[in-house]
Amino acid sequence: MLNLTNCISLSFLLFLVGVLGIFLNKKNILLMLMSLEIIFLSISFNWIFSSIYLDDISGQIFALLVLTVAAAESSIGLAILVIYYRIRTTITVELMNLTKG
């Protein structure tokens, strides 16, 4: 049986994995974007679990909105990444300062 403590600890574990993925990986932009999506997912899980525990629908609606914004952010980030790869033929983060205008 899942109780609120187990659910929030699962959400915290996902959040920690996402934060560690961002801080430990400084070179690959794809892994940084995936870590950011894991952070958004963990926050949404936390809202959904709290919404179920409190018997309120507003947390679930807010989590759905956050996932929608995260999907839009992901698609825009991947489009920018494809354009950057076509120009530079590499996707390392170290060369991102060359794109400044």
C-alpha atoms as a PDB file:
ATOM      1  CA  MET A   1       0.000   0.000   0.000  1.00  0.00           C
ATOM      2  CA  LEU A   2       1.310   3.398  -0.938  1.00  0.00           C
ATOM      3  CA  ASN A   3       1.054   6.064   1.700  1.00  0.00           C
ATOM      4  CA  LEU A   4       1.982   9.729   1.444  1.00  0.00           C
ATOM      5  CA  THR A   5       5.463   9.267   2.939  1.00  0.00           C
ATOM      6  CA  ASN A   6       6.461   6.668   0.341  1.00  0.00           C
ATOM      7  CA  CYS A   7       5.093   8.766  -2.493  1.00  0.00           C
ATOM      8  CA  ILE A   8       6.875  11.932  -1.398  1.00  0.00           C
ATOM      9  CA  SER A   9      10.119  10.014  -0.872  1.00  0.00           C
ATOM     10  CA  LEU A  10       9.794   8.651  -4.428  1.00  0.00           C
ATOM     11  CA  SER A  11       9.247  12.183  -5.702  1.00  0.00           C
ATOM     12  CA  PHE A  12      12.257  13.433  -3.728  1.00  0.00           C
ATOM     13  CA  LEU A  13      14.413  10.609  -5.096  1.00  0.00           C
ATOM     14  CA  LEU A  14      13.460  11.517  -8.673  1.00  0.00           C
ATOM     15  CA  PHE A  15      14.185  15.180  -7.945  1.00  0.00           C
ATOM     16  CA  LEU A  16      17.586  14.272  -6.517  1.00  0.00           C
ATOM     17  CA  VAL A  17      18.446  12.151  -9.575  1.00  0.00           C
ATOM     18  CA  GLY A  18      17.540  15.086 -11.837  1.00  0.00           C
ATOM     19  CA  VAL A  19      19.600  17.589  -9.869  1.00  0.00           C
ATOM     20  CA  LEU A  20      22.586  15.261  -9.756  1.00  0.00           C
ATOM     21  CA  GLY A  21      22.232  14.680 -13.493  1.00  0.00           C
ATOM     22  CA  ILE A  22      22.465  18.411 -14.127  1.00  0.00           C
ATOM     23  CA  PHE A  23      25.374  19.072 -11.779  1.00  0.00           C
ATOM     24  CA  LEU A  24      27.460  15.998 -12.590  1.00  0.00           C
ATOM     25  CA  ASN A  25      27.053  16.264 -16.350  1.00  0.00           C
ATOM     26  CA  LYS A  26      28.465  19.485 -17.704  1.00  0.00           C
ATOM     27  CA  LYS A  27      29.214  18.395 -21.278  1.00  0.00           C
ATOM     28  CA  ASN A  28      26.201  16.703 -22.869  1.00  0.00           C
ATOM     29  CA  ILE A  29      23.193  18.943 -23.433  1.00  0.00           C
ATOM     30  CA  LEU A  30      20.843  16.022 -24.117  1.00  0.00           C
ATOM     31  CA  LEU A  31      21.449  14.556 -20.673  1.00  0.00           C
ATOM     32  CA  MET A  32      20.940  17.972 -19.129  1.00  0.00           C
ATOM     33  CA  LEU A  33      17.563  18.308 -20.875  1.00  0.00           C
ATOM     34  CA  MET A  34      16.562  14.817 -19.739  1.00  0.00           C
ATOM     35  CA  SER A  35      17.552  15.666 -16.162  1.00  0.00           C
ATOM     36  CA  LEU A  36      15.440  18.808 -16.338  1.00  0.00           C
ATOM     37  CA  GLU A  37      12.474  16.742 -17.514  1.00  0.00           C
ATOM     38  CA  ILE A  38      12.997  14.340 -14.594  1.00  0.00           C
ATOM     39  CA  ILE A  39      12.865  17.311 -12.223  1.00  0.00           C
ATOM     40  CA  PHE A  40       9.586  18.486 -13.776  1.00  0.00           C
ATOM     41  CA  LEU A  41       8.205  14.956 -13.519  1.00  0.00           C
ATOM     42  CA  SER A  42       9.112  14.650  -9.846  1.00  0.00           C
ATOM     43  CA  ILE A  43       7.445  17.955  -9.033  1.00  0.00           C
ATOM     44  CA  SER A  44       4.324  16.833 -10.884  1.00  0.00           C
ATOM     45  CA  PHE A  45       4.334  13.545  -8.980  1.00  0.00           C
ATOM     46  CA  ASN A  46       4.516  15.470  -5.728  1.00  0.00           C
ATOM     47  CA  TRP A  47       1.500  17.603  -6.692  1.00  0.00           C
ATOM     48  CA  ILE A  48      -0.481  14.564  -7.811  1.00  0.00           C
ATOM     49  CA  PHE A  49       0.246  12.582  -4.651  1.00  0.00           C
ATOM     50  CA  SER A  50      -0.608  15.551  -2.459  1.00  0.00           C
ATOM     51  CA  SER A  51      -3.777  16.123  -4.459  1.00  0.00           C
ATOM     52  CA  ILE A  52      -4.863  12.528  -3.977  1.00  0.00           C
ATOM     53  CA  TYR A  53      -4.051  12.663  -0.262  1.00  0.00           C
ATOM     54  CA  LEU A  54      -5.969  15.922   0.252  1.00  0.00           C
ATOM     55  CA  ASP A  55      -8.828  14.824  -2.058  1.00  0.00           C
ATOM     56  CA  ASP A  56      -8.540  17.969  -4.171  1.00  0.00           C
ATOM     57  CA  ILE A  57      -8.425  18.090  -7.972  1.00  0.00           C
ATOM     58  CA  SER A  58      -6.478  21.355  -8.290  1.00  0.00           C
ATOM     59  CA  GLY A  59      -3.078  19.680  -7.772  1.00  0.00           C
ATOM     60  CA  GLN A  60      -3.765  17.234 -10.586  1.00  0.00           C
ATOM     61  CA  ILE A  61      -4.818  20.042 -12.935  1.00  0.00           C
ATOM     62  CA  PHE A  62      -1.709  22.036 -12.062  1.00  0.00           C
ATOM     63  CA  ALA A  63       0.485  18.966 -12.646  1.00  0.00           C
ATOM     64  CA  LEU A  64      -1.111  18.532 -16.077  1.00  0.00           C
ATOM     65  CA  LEU A  65      -0.333  22.157 -16.925  1.00  0.00           C
ATOM     66  CA  VAL A  66       3.283  21.736 -15.779  1.00  0.00           C
ATOM     67  CA  LEU A  67       3.697  18.626 -17.931  1.00  0.00           C
ATOM     68  CA  THR A  68       2.299  20.524 -20.914  1.00  0.00           C
ATOM     69  CA  VAL A  69       4.774  23.365 -20.428  1.00  0.00           C
ATOM     70  CA  ALA A  70       7.597  20.827 -19.947  1.00  0.00           C
ATOM     71  CA  ALA A  71       6.705  19.151 -23.245  1.00  0.00           C
ATOM     72  CA  ALA A  72       6.751  22.500 -25.043  1.00  0.00           C
ATOM     73  CA  GLU A  73      10.092  23.369 -23.444  1.00  0.00           C
ATOM     74  CA  SER A  74      11.494  20.025 -24.493  1.00  0.00           C
ATOM     75  CA  SER A  75      10.422  20.401 -28.114  1.00  0.00           C
ATOM     76  CA  ILE A  76      11.837  23.927 -28.360  1.00  0.00           C
ATOM     77  CA  GLY A  77      15.075  22.833 -26.716  1.00  0.00           C
ATOM     78  CA  LEU A  78      15.472  19.922 -29.116  1.00  0.00           C
ATOM     79  CA  ALA A  79      14.763  22.169 -32.109  1.00  0.00           C
ATOM     80  CA  ILE A  80      17.462  24.587 -30.968  1.00  0.00           C
ATOM     81  CA  LEU A  81      19.784  21.638 -30.432  1.00  0.00           C
ATOM     82  CA  VAL A  82      19.216  20.335 -33.976  1.00  0.00           C
ATOM     83  CA  ILE A  83      19.972  23.763 -35.443  1.00  0.00           C
ATOM     84  CA  TYR A  84      23.088  24.082 -33.276  1.00  0.00           C
ATOM     85  CA  TYR A  85      24.256  20.631 -34.377  1.00  0.00           C
ATOM     86  CA  ARG A  86      23.811  21.528 -38.051  1.00  0.00           C
ATOM     87  CA  ILE A  87      25.971  24.626 -37.601  1.00  0.00           C
ATOM     88  CA  ARG A  88      28.732  23.267 -35.316  1.00  0.00           C
ATOM     89  CA  THR A  89      28.474  19.444 -35.870  1.00  0.00           C
ATOM     90  CA  THR A  90      28.820  18.908 -32.116  1.00  0.00           C
ATOM     91  CA  ILE A  91      26.521  19.322 -29.132  1.00  0.00           C
ATOM     92  CA  THR A  92      28.966  20.010 -26.304  1.00  0.00           C
ATOM     93  CA  VAL A  93      27.979  22.630 -23.774  1.00  0.00           C
ATOM     94  CA  GLU A  94      31.473  24.146 -23.666  1.00  0.00           C
ATOM     95  CA  LEU A  95      31.052  25.712 -27.116  1.00  0.00           C
ATOM     96  CA  MET A  96      27.636  27.236 -26.392  1.00  0.00           C
ATOM     97  CA  ASN A  97      29.180  30.646 -25.649  1.00  0.00           C
ATOM     98  CA  LEU A  98      30.094  30.861 -29.357  1.00  0.00           C
ATOM     99  CA  THR A  99      26.408  31.270 -30.236  1.00  0.00           C
ATOM    100  CA  LYS A 100      26.162  34.680 -28.567  1.00  0.00           C
ATOM    101  CA  GLY A 101      25.349  37.445 -30.990  1.00  0.00           C
END
